[in-house]
Amino acid sequence: MNLTLLDQAFHRLGGAEGAPESHGILCGLLCARGHVHQPEWLALVQSASADPDAPPPDAGAAQAAMPEEERTAIATLYEETVGTLREAGNLFSPLLPGDDEPLEVRSGALADWCSGFLYGLGAGGIQDLSVL
């Protein structure tokens, strides 16, 4: 996955802190519900950083205005994440910067991913943590 391209796409979408947090939201939703449709996830990503007094953002319109390469990157991230979490033989890995990045960048991205994951669990309606 091209983290820079995904960061650009999520910032253009107007949501979350970038790719790691957006990926965390998706993973939290999937863990809480078992499934989530891509448009619902993207709307939640947008609302994660939106002004609570503003009208809800239109994820479909924002995504339609994106360059094709960014739309494809988001769709690929969604499909690969859903597939990885559904198949027992796959090894899951959160979307984070590589080891060649400075420690502060990696630790900040991990904090963003964890924040997104917790947000996704809550937004997904997880009530009983023992089911995780």
Foldseek 3Di string as FASTA:
>chain_A
DPQVLQQVLLVLLQFANGDLLLQLLLLLLCLQAVDDDLQVSSQVRNVHPDDPVDPRDRSVVSLVPDDPVSNVVSVVSNVVQSVQVVDPPHDDDGDFDDPVDDPVRRVVSVVSSNVSNVVNNVVNPRDDPVSD
